[in-house]
Amino acid sequence: MTINRCIPLFFLLFSFIKTNAQLEKTDALYKTILAKDSLLFSVGFNTCDISQFENQMSNKLAFYHDKDGFSDKGKFLNDIKNGLCKDSQQRQVKRILVEGSTEIFPLYKNGTLYAAIQNGTHLFAENLEKPSGTAKFTHLWTLENNDWKLTTSLSFDHQPYQSKEPPFENDKQIDEFLKRHNMPTLGLGIINNGKLQEIKVFGEIKKGVTAPYNTLFNVASLTKPITAMVALRLISLGKWKLDEPLYHYYTDPDIAQDPRNMKLTTRLILSHQTGFLNWRGMNENKKLRFEFDPGTKYQYSGEGFEYLRKALESKFKKPLHQLANELIFQPLKMDDTNYIWDKNTDA
C-alpha cells in the first residue's frame, strides 16, 4: 500500500525535474537569454553603451557583488557611468563569457513560463588574449510585458585568472630567443597565488653543459631589495634607525670634508636620494662626490647601497652577507641564496 502511494509521487517529482531541467542550446529560450546576455555585456559592458543597461535591466534590479556589495539599478548605472565608463576612450576592460559555462533553467507557475535562471562563468581582461580575472554569476531573468528583463544578478567567486595551458609550451622558441640575443642561460619561474608552480631553466652553464633547473644566477642589482630588507628588519628589531645619520658609523674618505655627508640616512639611501651617481667611476676623477644635496632629488645609485653596507658592517661588526643569512635567508629557508660565492656554493 505504501509502495503504491509512493509511485505517483515519484513520477510527479520526475516529471517536475524533467520539465524544469537545464535547457538545450538549441532551445528557443536558451538562445533568447544568450542574446540578452550579449546585448547586456558584449554591447553594453564592452562598449560602454549605457542604453543597453537601461533597456535590458528591470527597474527592480537587485545586483549583489561579493566585493562591492549591493546595488539597485540607480546605483549600478551611476557606478558604471562614473567608474568603468567614465572615459570610454580610455577604458580597456572587456567581459568574455566562458564558452560552455552557460546553464539556463526555466521557471514556471501553474504551467506558465515567467522567469529563467542563467548560470555561467565570465572572464575580464584588458587584453582579450590574456584575461586577468574570472568570476561566476547567476542571473534571474523575468518576463515583464512580454520582454525579458534582468531582475536579479549575483556576481561572485572573483579570482585571478589562471591559464590551464602549460606555462612552458614552446621550449624551441625560447631556445631560439637565447641564441638570437646571445644569452647563455635563462631561468623562469611561475608563481600563482604565492605558490611556486613551475621552474624551468634554458640554455647552458658552459659550452656543451645544459643548465640544470637549480642553476645559480648572479642577480646583480636585485640584491638591493635584500639589502633594504636587512636594514628594515634591523629597524623593526629596534637595532637600527631609519633616519639616523650614517656618519655615526661610517664616512667615505672621498666626502669626509663635505658637510653634506652628515645628511645621509638609511631612508635617503633606500629611496635613492643620496646625491651620488650610480658609481663613482662615472666621475672624471673616479672619486665619490655629491651631484646634489641629499634629499632634494632622486637619482639611482649603487654607491648609496654600498655606503649603507659599510655603515651596517661597521655597526654590527659582521659582513652584510652574514646579516642577510641570519635575518632573511635562514628564517625563510632560502638555502640556495647567498651574497657571495663560497666553498659551500658548489657542495
C-alpha atoms as a PDB file:
ATOM      1  CA  MET A   1       0.000   0.000   0.000  1.00  0.00           C
ATOM      2  CA  THR A   2       2.824   2.371   0.900  1.00  0.00           C
ATOM      3  CA  ILE A   3       4.683   1.497  -2.294  1.00  0.00           C
ATOM      4  CA  ASN A   4       1.620   2.201  -4.437  1.00  0.00           C
ATOM      5  CA  ARG A   5       1.227   5.638  -2.867  1.00  0.00           C
ATOM      6  CA  CYS A   6       4.890   6.464  -3.484  1.00  0.00           C
ATOM      7  CA  ILE A   7       4.816   5.598  -7.184  1.00  0.00           C
ATOM      8  CA  PRO A   8       2.569   8.517  -8.275  1.00  0.00           C
ATOM      9  CA  LEU A   9       4.649  10.896  -6.133  1.00  0.00           C
ATOM     10  CA  PHE A  10       7.859   9.624  -7.738  1.00  0.00           C
ATOM     11  CA  PHE A  11       6.501  10.185 -11.229  1.00  0.00           C
ATOM     12  CA  LEU A  12       5.270  13.649 -10.232  1.00  0.00           C
ATOM     13  CA  LEU A  13       8.749  14.631  -8.982  1.00  0.00           C
ATOM     14  CA  PHE A  14      10.407  13.081 -12.026  1.00  0.00           C
ATOM     15  CA  SER A  15       8.060  14.969 -14.309  1.00  0.00           C
ATOM     16  CA  PHE A  16       8.818  18.252 -12.498  1.00  0.00           C
ATOM     17  CA  ILE A  17      12.585  17.741 -12.698  1.00  0.00           C
ATOM     18  CA  LYS A  18      12.402  16.725 -16.333  1.00  0.00           C
ATOM     19  CA  THR A  19      10.230  19.698 -17.250  1.00  0.00           C
ATOM     20  CA  ASN A  20      12.476  22.201 -15.433  1.00  0.00           C
ATOM     21  CA  ALA A  21      15.828  20.699 -16.348  1.00  0.00           C
ATOM     22  CA  GLN A  22      18.619  22.706 -17.933  1.00  0.00           C
ATOM     23  CA  LEU A  23      17.706  23.797 -21.438  1.00  0.00           C
ATOM     24  CA  GLU A  24      19.495  22.524 -24.505  1.00  0.00           C
ATOM     25  CA  LYS A  25      21.482  25.029 -26.546  1.00  0.00           C
ATOM     26  CA  THR A  26      19.027  24.584 -29.392  1.00  0.00           C
ATOM     27  CA  ASP A  27      16.063  25.650 -27.259  1.00  0.00           C
ATOM     28  CA  ALA A  28      14.467  28.963 -28.219  1.00  0.00           C
ATOM     29  CA  LEU A  29      14.561  30.269 -24.630  1.00  0.00           C
ATOM     30  CA  TYR A  30      18.262  29.386 -24.331  1.00  0.00           C
ATOM     31  CA  LYS A  31      19.002  31.403 -27.461  1.00  0.00           C
ATOM     32  CA  THR A  32      16.846  34.294 -26.264  1.00  0.00           C
ATOM     33  CA  ILE A  33      18.606  34.577 -22.908  1.00  0.00           C
ATOM     34  CA  LEU A  34      22.034  34.359 -24.556  1.00  0.00           C
ATOM     35  CA  ALA A  35      21.007  37.114 -26.963  1.00  0.00           C
ATOM     36  CA  LYS A  36      20.000  39.270 -23.998  1.00  0.00           C
ATOM     37  CA  ASP A  37      23.313  38.453 -22.305  1.00  0.00           C
ATOM     38  CA  SER A  38      25.160  39.537 -25.442  1.00  0.00           C
ATOM     39  CA  LEU A  39      23.331  42.867 -25.587  1.00  0.00           C
ATOM     40  CA  LEU A  40      23.999  43.483 -21.910  1.00  0.00           C
ATOM     41  CA  PHE A  41      27.699  42.623 -21.933  1.00  0.00           C
ATOM     42  CA  SER A  42      29.139  42.362 -25.449  1.00  0.00           C
ATOM     43  CA  VAL A  43      27.462  45.635 -26.389  1.00  0.00           C
ATOM     44  CA  GLY A  44      26.634  47.363 -23.105  1.00  0.00           C
ATOM     45  CA  PHE A  45      29.596  46.468 -20.887  1.00  0.00           C
ATOM     46  CA  ASN A  46      32.295  46.052 -23.526  1.00  0.00           C
ATOM     47  CA  THR A  47      31.498  49.227 -25.475  1.00  0.00           C
ATOM     48  CA  CYS A  48      30.067  51.350 -22.637  1.00  0.00           C
ATOM     49  CA  ASP A  49      26.672  51.581 -24.329  1.00  0.00           C
ATOM     50  CA  ILE A  50      24.718  52.633 -21.228  1.00  0.00           C
ATOM     51  CA  SER A  51      21.399  52.362 -23.080  1.00  0.00           C
ATOM     52  CA  GLN A  52      21.745  48.576 -23.090  1.00  0.00           C
ATOM     53  CA  PHE A  53      21.881  48.512 -19.291  1.00  0.00           C
ATOM     54  CA  GLU A  54      18.856  50.781 -19.133  1.00  0.00           C
ATOM     55  CA  ASN A  55      16.905  48.649 -21.619  1.00  0.00           C
ATOM     56  CA  GLN A  56      17.869  45.128 -20.532  1.00  0.00           C
ATOM     57  CA  MET A  57      17.643  45.635 -16.767  1.00  0.00           C
ATOM     58  CA  SER A  58      14.433  45.696 -14.786  1.00  0.00           C
ATOM     59  CA  ASN A  59      13.705  48.807 -12.759  1.00  0.00           C
ATOM     60  CA  LYS A  60      13.565  46.378  -9.825  1.00  0.00           C
ATOM     61  CA  LEU A  61      17.156  45.252 -10.399  1.00  0.00           C
ATOM     62  CA  ALA A  62      18.974  43.836  -7.376  1.00  0.00           C
ATOM     63  CA  PHE A  63      22.708  43.402  -8.002  1.00  0.00           C
ATOM     64  CA  TYR A  64      24.851  41.518  -5.487  1.00  0.00           C
ATOM     65  CA  HIS A  65      28.650  41.574  -5.803  1.00  0.00           C
ATOM     66  CA  ASP A  66      30.957  39.628  -3.488  1.00  0.00           C
ATOM     67  CA  LYS A  67      33.457  42.508  -3.384  1.00  0.00           C
ATOM     68  CA  ASP A  68      31.408  45.672  -3.860  1.00  0.00           C
ATOM     69  CA  GLY A  69      28.163  44.851  -2.062  1.00  0.00           C
ATOM     70  CA  PHE A  70      24.570  45.540  -3.115  1.00  0.00           C
ATOM     71  CA  SER A  71      23.320  47.928  -5.799  1.00  0.00           C
ATOM     72  CA  ASP A  72      19.904  48.788  -7.121  1.00  0.00           C
ATOM     73  CA  LYS A  73      19.503  49.907 -10.728  1.00  0.00           C
ATOM     74  CA  GLY A  74      20.143  53.561  -9.974  1.00  0.00           C
ATOM     75  CA  LYS A  75      23.362  52.919  -8.082  1.00  0.00           C
ATOM     76  CA  PHE A  76      24.528  50.351 -10.635  1.00  0.00           C
ATOM     77  CA  LEU A  77      24.087  52.773 -13.546  1.00  0.00           C
ATOM     78  CA  ASN A  78      25.751  55.581 -11.615  1.00  0.00           C
ATOM     79  CA  ASP A  79      28.740  53.374 -10.774  1.00  0.00           C
ATOM     80  CA  ILE A  80      29.115  52.312 -14.412  1.00  0.00           C
ATOM     81  CA  LYS A  81      28.839  55.859 -15.751  1.00  0.00           C
ATOM     82  CA  ASN A  82      31.292  57.323 -13.252  1.00  0.00           C
ATOM     83  CA  GLY A  83      33.586  54.325 -12.991  1.00  0.00           C
ATOM     84  CA  LEU A  84      34.368  51.872 -15.775  1.00  0.00           C
ATOM     85  CA  CYS A  85      32.730  54.011 -18.443  1.00  0.00           C
ATOM     86  CA  LYS A  86      33.713  57.474 -17.237  1.00  0.00           C
ATOM     87  CA  ASP A  87      36.119  57.703 -20.161  1.00  0.00           C
ATOM     88  CA  SER A  88      35.022  55.182 -22.774  1.00  0.00           C
ATOM     89  CA  GLN A  89      38.000  56.057 -24.993  1.00  0.00           C
ATOM     90  CA  GLN A  90      40.499  55.025 -22.322  1.00  0.00           C
ATOM     91  CA  ARG A  91      38.587  52.064 -20.906  1.00  0.00           C
ATOM     92  CA  GLN A  92      40.101  48.702 -21.781  1.00  0.00           C
ATOM     93  CA  VAL A  93      38.348  46.105 -19.583  1.00  0.00           C
ATOM     94  CA  LYS A  94      36.238  43.604 -21.507  1.00  0.00           C
ATOM     95  CA  ARG A  95      33.931  40.808 -20.384  1.00  0.00           C
ATOM     96  CA  ILE A  96      34.193  37.390 -22.032  1.00  0.00           C
ATOM     97  CA  LEU A  97      31.586  34.681 -21.454  1.00  0.00           C
ATOM     98  CA  VAL A  98      33.359  31.356 -20.965  1.00  0.00           C
ATOM     99  CA  GLU A  99      32.275  29.015 -23.722  1.00  0.00           C
ATOM    100  CA  GLY A 100      30.273  26.062 -22.450  1.00  0.00           C
ATOM    101  CA  SER A 101      29.722  27.539 -18.975  1.00  0.00           C
ATOM    102  CA  THR A 102      26.161  28.751 -19.555  1.00  0.00           C
ATOM    103  CA  GLU A 103      23.270  26.918 -17.905  1.00  0.00           C
ATOM    104  CA  ILE A 104      19.697  28.114 -18.290  1.00  0.00           C
ATOM    105  CA  PHE A 105      16.750  26.818 -16.284  1.00  0.00           C
ATOM    106  CA  PRO A 106      13.130  27.859 -16.974  1.00  0.00           C
ATOM    107  CA  LEU A 107      10.798  28.748 -14.094  1.00  0.00           C
ATOM    108  CA  TYR A 108       7.063  28.049 -14.326  1.00  0.00           C
ATOM    109  CA  LYS A 109       3.997  28.879 -12.298  1.00  0.00           C
ATOM    110  CA  ASN A 110       0.903  26.797 -12.967  1.00  0.00           C
ATOM    111  CA  GLY A 111       2.455  25.707 -16.232  1.00  0.00           C
ATOM    112  CA  THR A 112       3.191  29.260 -17.402  1.00  0.00           C
ATOM    113  CA  LEU A 113       6.769  30.370 -18.029  1.00  0.00           C
ATOM    114  CA  TYR A 114       7.547  33.508 -16.019  1.00  0.00           C
ATOM    115  CA  ALA A 115      11.319  33.543 -15.432  1.00  0.00           C
ATOM    116  CA  ALA A 116      14.644  31.891 -16.221  1.00  0.00           C
ATOM    117  CA  ILE A 117      17.846  31.368 -14.276  1.00  0.00           C
ATOM    118  CA  GLN A 118      21.160  31.794 -16.073  1.00  0.00           C
ATOM    119  CA  ASN A 119      24.350  30.449 -14.515  1.00  0.00           C
ATOM    120  CA  GLY A 120      27.786  30.924 -16.018  1.00  0.00           C
ATOM    121  CA  THR A 121      31.393  31.969 -15.722  1.00  0.00           C
ATOM    122  CA  HIS A 122      32.948  35.019 -17.292  1.00  0.00           C
ATOM    123  CA  LEU A 123      36.422  36.432 -17.691  1.00  0.00           C
ATOM    124  CA  PHE A 124      37.562  40.034 -17.518  1.00  0.00           C
ATOM    125  CA  ALA A 125      40.553  41.280 -19.449  1.00  0.00           C
ATOM    126  CA  GLU A 126      42.327  44.384 -20.671  1.00  0.00           C
ATOM    127  CA  ASN A 127      43.937  42.211 -23.325  1.00  0.00           C
ATOM    128  CA  LEU A 128      41.437  39.749 -24.789  1.00  0.00           C
ATOM    129  CA  GLU A 129      44.237  37.220 -25.264  1.00  0.00           C
ATOM    130  CA  LYS A 130      45.309  37.445 -21.618  1.00  0.00           C
ATOM    131  CA  PRO A 131      42.384  37.547 -19.149  1.00  0.00           C
ATOM    132  CA  SER A 132      43.203  38.969 -15.733  1.00  0.00           C
ATOM    133  CA  GLY A 133      40.229  37.793 -13.679  1.00  0.00           C
ATOM    134  CA  THR A 134      37.358  35.341 -13.560  1.00  0.00           C
ATOM    135  CA  ALA A 135      34.032  35.176 -11.728  1.00  0.00           C
ATOM    136  CA  LYS A 136      30.854  33.136 -11.563  1.00  0.00           C
ATOM    137  CA  PHE A 137      27.424  34.675 -11.978  1.00  0.00           C
ATOM    138  CA  THR A 138      23.755  33.846 -11.568  1.00  0.00           C
ATOM    139  CA  HIS A 139      21.126  35.940 -13.338  1.00  0.00           C
ATOM    140  CA  LEU A 140      17.398  35.884 -12.832  1.00  0.00           C
ATOM    141  CA  TRP A 141      15.564  36.993 -15.957  1.00  0.00           C
ATOM    142  CA  THR A 142      11.836  37.688 -15.662  1.00  0.00           C
ATOM    143  CA  LEU A 143       9.153  38.417 -18.204  1.00  0.00           C
ATOM    144  CA  GLU A 144       7.877  41.992 -17.980  1.00  0.00           C
ATOM    145  CA  ASN A 145       5.262  42.906 -20.575  1.00  0.00           C
ATOM    146  CA  ASN A 146       6.465  40.003 -22.745  1.00  0.00           C
ATOM    147  CA  ASP A 147      10.073  41.209 -22.648  1.00  0.00           C
ATOM    148  CA  TRP A 148      12.888  39.543 -20.733  1.00  0.00           C
ATOM    149  CA  LYS A 149      14.489  41.792 -18.117  1.00  0.00           C
ATOM    150  CA  LEU A 150      17.402  41.146 -15.782  1.00  0.00           C
ATOM    151  CA  THR A 151      15.849  41.339 -12.321  1.00  0.00           C
ATOM    152  CA  THR A 152      18.489  39.867 -10.030  1.00  0.00           C
ATOM    153  CA  SER A 153      22.219  39.443 -10.605  1.00  0.00           C
ATOM    154  CA  LEU A 154      24.736  37.700  -8.367  1.00  0.00           C
ATOM    155  CA  SER A 155      28.432  38.096  -9.201  1.00  0.00           C
ATOM    156  CA  PHE A 156      30.721  36.022  -7.003  1.00  0.00           C
ATOM    157  CA  ASP A 157      33.885  33.932  -6.634  1.00  0.00           C
ATOM    158  CA  HIS A 158      36.092  36.590  -8.218  1.00  0.00           C
ATOM    159  CA  GLN A 159      39.571  35.150  -8.691  1.00  0.00           C
ATOM    160  CA  PRO A 160      42.761  35.978 -10.591  1.00  0.00           C
ATOM    161  CA  TYR A 161      42.697  34.181 -13.918  1.00  0.00           C
ATOM    162  CA  GLN A 162      44.818  31.049 -14.090  1.00  0.00           C
ATOM    163  CA  SER A 163      45.547  29.714 -17.529  1.00  0.00           C
ATOM    164  CA  LYS A 164      45.093  25.981 -17.977  1.00  0.00           C
ATOM    165  CA  GLU A 165      47.718  25.967 -20.684  1.00  0.00           C
ATOM    166  CA  PRO A 166      51.186  24.666 -19.750  1.00  0.00           C
ATOM    167  CA  PRO A 167      53.373  27.571 -18.544  1.00  0.00           C
ATOM    168  CA  PHE A 168      56.216  26.499 -20.800  1.00  0.00           C
ATOM    169  CA  GLU A 169      54.831  25.157 -24.029  1.00  0.00           C
ATOM    170  CA  ASN A 170      57.357  26.325 -26.591  1.00  0.00           C
ATOM    171  CA  ASP A 171      60.874  25.438 -25.482  1.00  0.00           C
ATOM    172  CA  LYS A 172      62.181  25.626 -29.028  1.00  0.00           C
ATOM    173  CA  GLN A 173      61.082  29.238 -29.393  1.00  0.00           C
ATOM    174  CA  ILE A 174      62.779  30.190 -26.119  1.00  0.00           C
ATOM    175  CA  ASP A 175      65.996  28.424 -27.160  1.00  0.00           C
ATOM    176  CA  GLU A 176      65.937  30.362 -30.432  1.00  0.00           C
ATOM    177  CA  PHE A 177      65.418  33.573 -28.465  1.00  0.00           C
ATOM    178  CA  LEU A 178      68.534  32.862 -26.379  1.00  0.00           C
ATOM    179  CA  LYS A 179      70.655  32.226 -29.463  1.00  0.00           C
ATOM    180  CA  ARG A 180      69.338  35.309 -31.237  1.00  0.00           C
ATOM    181  CA  HIS A 181      70.245  37.562 -28.308  1.00  0.00           C
ATOM    182  CA  ASN A 182      73.452  35.739 -27.374  1.00  0.00           C
ATOM    183  CA  MET A 183      72.120  34.827 -23.919  1.00  0.00           C
ATOM    184  CA  PRO A 184      73.772  31.739 -22.412  1.00  0.00           C
ATOM    185  CA  THR A 185      71.141  30.898 -19.792  1.00  0.00           C
ATOM    186  CA  LEU A 186      67.617  31.860 -18.799  1.00  0.00           C
ATOM    187  CA  GLY A 187      65.716  30.821 -15.688  1.00  0.00           C
ATOM    188  CA  LEU A 188      61.934  31.201 -15.471  1.00  0.00           C
ATOM    189  CA  GLY A 189      59.578  30.589 -12.583  1.00  0.00           C
ATOM    190  CA  ILE A 190      55.787  30.690 -12.474  1.00  0.00           C
ATOM    191  CA  ILE A 191      54.203  31.809  -9.192  1.00  0.00           C
ATOM    192  CA  ASN A 192      50.427  31.580  -8.733  1.00  0.00           C
ATOM    193  CA  ASN A 193      48.732  32.864  -5.583  1.00  0.00           C
ATOM    194  CA  GLY A 194      52.034  32.932  -3.738  1.00  0.00           C
ATOM    195  CA  LYS A 195      52.952  29.341  -4.636  1.00  0.00           C
ATOM    196  CA  LEU A 196      55.757  28.323  -6.961  1.00  0.00           C
ATOM    197  CA  GLN A 197      54.070  26.404  -9.760  1.00  0.00           C
ATOM    198  CA  GLU A 198      56.955  25.556 -12.049  1.00  0.00           C
ATOM    199  CA  ILE A 199      60.655  26.220 -12.616  1.00  0.00           C
ATOM    200  CA  LYS A 200      62.457  25.798 -15.878  1.00  0.00           C
ATOM    201  CA  VAL A 201      65.958  26.744 -16.968  1.00  0.00           C
ATOM    202  CA  PHE A 202      67.046  27.099 -20.589  1.00  0.00           C
ATOM    203  CA  GLY A 203      70.486  27.237 -22.189  1.00  0.00           C
ATOM    204  CA  GLU A 204      73.910  26.136 -20.986  1.00  0.00           C
ATOM    205  CA  ILE A 205      76.041  26.968 -17.954  1.00  0.00           C
ATOM    206  CA  LYS A 206      79.086  26.404 -20.133  1.00  0.00           C
ATOM    207  CA  LYS A 207      79.746  25.116 -23.621  1.00  0.00           C
ATOM    208  CA  GLY A 208      78.094  21.735 -24.041  1.00  0.00           C
ATOM    209  CA  VAL A 209      76.711  21.593 -20.464  1.00  0.00           C
ATOM    210  CA  THR A 210      72.946  22.026 -20.136  1.00  0.00           C
ATOM    211  CA  ALA A 211      71.922  24.340 -17.313  1.00  0.00           C
ATOM    212  CA  PRO A 212      70.123  22.355 -14.560  1.00  0.00           C
ATOM    213  CA  TYR A 213      66.850  23.511 -13.017  1.00  0.00           C
ATOM    214  CA  ASN A 214      68.684  24.684  -9.860  1.00  0.00           C
ATOM    215  CA  THR A 215      71.252  26.807 -11.684  1.00  0.00           C
ATOM    216  CA  LEU A 216      72.537  29.676  -9.530  1.00  0.00           C
ATOM    217  CA  PHE A 217      72.400  33.146 -11.073  1.00  0.00           C
ATOM    218  CA  ASN A 218      74.236  36.347 -10.265  1.00  0.00           C
ATOM    219  CA  VAL A 219      71.233  38.627  -9.754  1.00  0.00           C
ATOM    220  CA  ALA A 220      73.229  41.885  -9.644  1.00  0.00           C
ATOM    221  CA  SER A 221      71.064  44.819  -8.532  1.00  0.00           C
ATOM    222  CA  LEU A 222      68.291  42.536  -7.324  1.00  0.00           C
ATOM    223  CA  THR A 223      70.421  42.387  -4.182  1.00  0.00           C
ATOM    224  CA  LYS A 224      69.274  45.940  -3.424  1.00  0.00           C
ATOM    225  CA  PRO A 225      65.813  44.829  -2.182  1.00  0.00           C
ATOM    226  CA  ILE A 226      67.558  42.263   0.034  1.00  0.00           C
ATOM    227  CA  THR A 227      69.855  44.936   1.470  1.00  0.00           C
ATOM    228  CA  ALA A 228      66.775  47.070   2.069  1.00  0.00           C
ATOM    229  CA  MET A 229      65.053  44.164   3.833  1.00  0.00           C
ATOM    230  CA  VAL A 230      68.088  43.628   6.056  1.00  0.00           C
ATOM    231  CA  ALA A 231      68.041  47.280   7.109  1.00  0.00           C
ATOM    232  CA  LEU A 232      64.273  47.332   7.644  1.00  0.00           C
ATOM    233  CA  ARG A 233      64.405  44.103   9.626  1.00  0.00           C
ATOM    234  CA  LEU A 234      67.036  45.606  11.913  1.00  0.00           C
ATOM    235  CA  ILE A 235      64.840  48.692  12.287  1.00  0.00           C
ATOM    236  CA  SER A 236      61.840  46.542  13.221  1.00  0.00           C
ATOM    237  CA  LEU A 237      64.000  44.838  15.853  1.00  0.00           C
ATOM    238  CA  GLY A 238      64.972  48.216  17.296  1.00  0.00           C
ATOM    239  CA  LYS A 239      68.633  47.768  16.378  1.00  0.00           C
ATOM    240  CA  TRP A 240      68.859  50.379  13.610  1.00  0.00           C
ATOM    241  CA  LYS A 241      67.221  53.736  12.925  1.00  0.00           C
ATOM    242  CA  LEU A 242      65.774  54.791   9.587  1.00  0.00           C
ATOM    243  CA  ASP A 243      66.653  58.471   9.960  1.00  0.00           C
ATOM    244  CA  GLU A 244      69.844  58.277  11.990  1.00  0.00           C
ATOM    245  CA  PRO A 245      72.801  59.923  10.187  1.00  0.00           C
ATOM    246  CA  LEU A 246      75.154  57.253   8.897  1.00  0.00           C
ATOM    247  CA  TYR A 247      78.283  59.247   9.734  1.00  0.00           C
ATOM    248  CA  HIS A 248      77.844  57.853  13.250  1.00  0.00           C
ATOM    249  CA  TYR A 249      79.130  54.567  11.821  1.00  0.00           C
ATOM    250  CA  TYR A 250      80.851  55.318   8.541  1.00  0.00           C
ATOM    251  CA  THR A 251      82.072  58.182   6.369  1.00  0.00           C
ATOM    252  CA  ASP A 252      83.597  57.648   2.944  1.00  0.00           C
ATOM    253  CA  PRO A 253      87.025  59.322   2.734  1.00  0.00           C
ATOM    254  CA  ASP A 254      86.120  60.947  -0.601  1.00  0.00           C
ATOM    255  CA  ILE A 255      83.359  63.045   1.001  1.00  0.00           C
ATOM    256  CA  ALA A 256      84.722  63.371   4.534  1.00  0.00           C
ATOM    257  CA  GLN A 257      85.357  67.104   4.033  1.00  0.00           C
ATOM    258  CA  ASP A 258      81.901  67.748   2.565  1.00  0.00           C
ATOM    259  CA  PRO A 259      79.468  68.535   5.417  1.00  0.00           C
ATOM    260  CA  ARG A 260      76.623  67.082   3.353  1.00  0.00           C
ATOM    261  CA  ASN A 261      77.827  63.604   4.323  1.00  0.00           C
ATOM    262  CA  MET A 262      76.158  64.221   7.692  1.00  0.00           C
ATOM    263  CA  LYS A 263      72.755  64.309   5.975  1.00  0.00           C
ATOM    264  CA  LEU A 264      72.973  60.752   4.664  1.00  0.00           C
ATOM    265  CA  THR A 265      70.478  58.369   6.276  1.00  0.00           C
ATOM    266  CA  THR A 266      69.104  54.914   5.547  1.00  0.00           C
ATOM    267  CA  ARG A 267      65.833  56.466   4.350  1.00  0.00           C
ATOM    268  CA  LEU A 268      67.613  58.622   1.763  1.00  0.00           C
ATOM    269  CA  ILE A 269      69.714  55.711   0.535  1.00  0.00           C
ATOM    270  CA  LEU A 270      66.784  53.306   0.155  1.00  0.00           C
ATOM    271  CA  SER A 271      64.834  55.953  -1.778  1.00  0.00           C
ATOM    272  CA  HIS A 272      67.832  56.863  -3.998  1.00  0.00           C
ATOM    273  CA  GLN A 273      68.132  60.437  -2.750  1.00  0.00           C
ATOM    274  CA  THR A 274      71.813  60.424  -1.745  1.00  0.00           C
ATOM    275  CA  GLY A 275      73.036  62.766  -4.468  1.00  0.00           C
ATOM    276  CA  PHE A 276      75.532  60.167  -5.725  1.00  0.00           C
ATOM    277  CA  LEU A 277      75.925  58.914  -9.276  1.00  0.00           C
ATOM    278  CA  ASN A 278      75.351  55.207  -9.780  1.00  0.00           C
ATOM    279  CA  TRP A 279      79.091  54.524  -9.362  1.00  0.00           C
ATOM    280  CA  ARG A 280      81.981  56.838  -8.506  1.00  0.00           C
ATOM    281  CA  GLY A 281      83.863  55.519 -11.526  1.00  0.00           C
ATOM    282  CA  MET A 282      81.480  57.560 -13.655  1.00  0.00           C
ATOM    283  CA  ASN A 283      83.153  60.734 -12.348  1.00  0.00           C
ATOM    284  CA  GLU A 284      86.225  62.012 -14.167  1.00  0.00           C
ATOM    285  CA  ASN A 285      88.438  61.682 -11.094  1.00  0.00           C
ATOM    286  CA  LYS A 286      86.828  58.328 -10.137  1.00  0.00           C
ATOM    287  CA  LYS A 287      86.011  59.683  -6.687  1.00  0.00           C
ATOM    288  CA  LEU A 288      82.706  59.816  -4.848  1.00  0.00           C
ATOM    289  CA  ARG A 289      81.027  63.213  -4.744  1.00  0.00           C
ATOM    290  CA  PHE A 290      77.603  64.785  -4.337  1.00  0.00           C
ATOM    291  CA  GLU A 291      75.795  65.788  -7.524  1.00  0.00           C
ATOM    292  CA  PHE A 292      73.077  67.494  -5.463  1.00  0.00           C
ATOM    293  CA  ASP A 293      72.123  67.929  -1.817  1.00  0.00           C
ATOM    294  CA  PRO A 294      70.871  64.694  -0.222  1.00  0.00           C
ATOM    295  CA  GLY A 295      67.088  64.505  -0.034  1.00  0.00           C
ATOM    296  CA  THR A 296      66.404  67.098  -2.740  1.00  0.00           C
ATOM    297  CA  LYS A 297      66.232  64.852  -5.829  1.00  0.00           C
ATOM    298  CA  TYR A 298      66.049  61.231  -6.939  1.00  0.00           C
ATOM    299  CA  GLN A 299      68.920  59.515  -8.734  1.00  0.00           C
ATOM    300  CA  TYR A 300      69.546  55.785  -8.904  1.00  0.00           C
ATOM    301  CA  SER A 301      72.738  54.912  -7.083  1.00  0.00           C
ATOM    302  CA  GLY A 302      74.544  51.672  -6.380  1.00  0.00           C
ATOM    303  CA  GLU A 303      77.079  53.708  -4.413  1.00  0.00           C
ATOM    304  CA  GLY A 304      74.352  54.573  -1.934  1.00  0.00           C
ATOM    305  CA  PHE A 305      73.727  50.916  -1.144  1.00  0.00           C
ATOM    306  CA  GLU A 306      77.460  50.285  -0.831  1.00  0.00           C
ATOM    307  CA  TYR A 307      77.553  53.164   1.637  1.00  0.00           C
ATOM    308  CA  LEU A 308      74.747  51.573   3.645  1.00  0.00           C
ATOM    309  CA  ARG A 309      76.527  48.203   3.570  1.00  0.00           C
ATOM    310  CA  LYS A 310      79.675  49.692   5.057  1.00  0.00           C
ATOM    311  CA  ALA A 311      77.702  51.512   7.752  1.00  0.00           C
ATOM    312  CA  LEU A 312      75.846  48.324   8.719  1.00  0.00           C
ATOM    313  CA  GLU A 313      79.036  46.285   8.810  1.00  0.00           C
ATOM    314  CA  SER A 314      80.735  48.928  10.950  1.00  0.00           C
ATOM    315  CA  LYS A 315      77.859  48.990  13.426  1.00  0.00           C
ATOM    316  CA  PHE A 316      77.270  45.235  13.752  1.00  0.00           C
ATOM    317  CA  LYS A 317      80.838  44.014  13.177  1.00  0.00           C
ATOM    318  CA  LYS A 318      79.546  41.485  10.648  1.00  0.00           C
ATOM    319  CA  PRO A 319      79.685  41.330   6.850  1.00  0.00           C
ATOM    320  CA  LEU A 320      76.428  42.085   5.060  1.00  0.00           C
ATOM    321  CA  HIS A 321      76.108  38.539   3.720  1.00  0.00           C
ATOM    322  CA  GLN A 322      76.153  37.207   7.294  1.00  0.00           C
ATOM    323  CA  LEU A 323      73.460  39.683   8.363  1.00  0.00           C
ATOM    324  CA  ALA A 324      71.363  38.667   5.352  1.00  0.00           C
ATOM    325  CA  ASN A 325      71.761  34.981   6.177  1.00  0.00           C
ATOM    326  CA  GLU A 326      70.746  35.494   9.798  1.00  0.00           C
ATOM    327  CA  LEU A 327      67.861  37.898   9.193  1.00  0.00           C
ATOM    328  CA  ILE A 328      66.453  36.867   5.800  1.00  0.00           C
ATOM    329  CA  PHE A 329      67.751  33.718   4.129  1.00  0.00           C
ATOM    330  CA  GLN A 330      67.842  31.291   7.053  1.00  0.00           C
ATOM    331  CA  PRO A 331      64.427  32.252   8.534  1.00  0.00           C
ATOM    332  CA  LEU A 332      62.856  31.883   5.069  1.00  0.00           C
ATOM    333  CA  LYS A 333      64.788  28.656   4.366  1.00  0.00           C
ATOM    334  CA  MET A 334      66.400  30.181   1.264  1.00  0.00           C
ATOM    335  CA  ASP A 335      69.183  27.629   1.390  1.00  0.00           C
ATOM    336  CA  ASP A 336      70.445  28.244  -2.152  1.00  0.00           C
ATOM    337  CA  THR A 337      70.689  32.028  -1.814  1.00  0.00           C
ATOM    338  CA  ASN A 338      73.756  33.945  -0.716  1.00  0.00           C
ATOM    339  CA  TYR A 339      75.520  37.237  -1.277  1.00  0.00           C
ATOM    340  CA  ILE A 340      78.835  35.593  -2.044  1.00  0.00           C
ATOM    341  CA  TRP A 341      80.120  32.515  -3.853  1.00  0.00           C
ATOM    342  CA  ASP A 342      81.884  30.451  -1.217  1.00  0.00           C
ATOM    343  CA  LYS A 343      83.081  26.873  -0.745  1.00  0.00           C
ATOM    344  CA  ASN A 344      79.563  25.743   0.180  1.00  0.00           C
ATOM    345  CA  THR A 345      78.030  27.005  -3.053  1.00  0.00           C
ATOM    346  CA  ASP A 346      79.269  24.045  -5.110  1.00  0.00           C
ATOM    347  CA  ALA A 347      78.699  21.500  -2.363  1.00  0.00           C
END
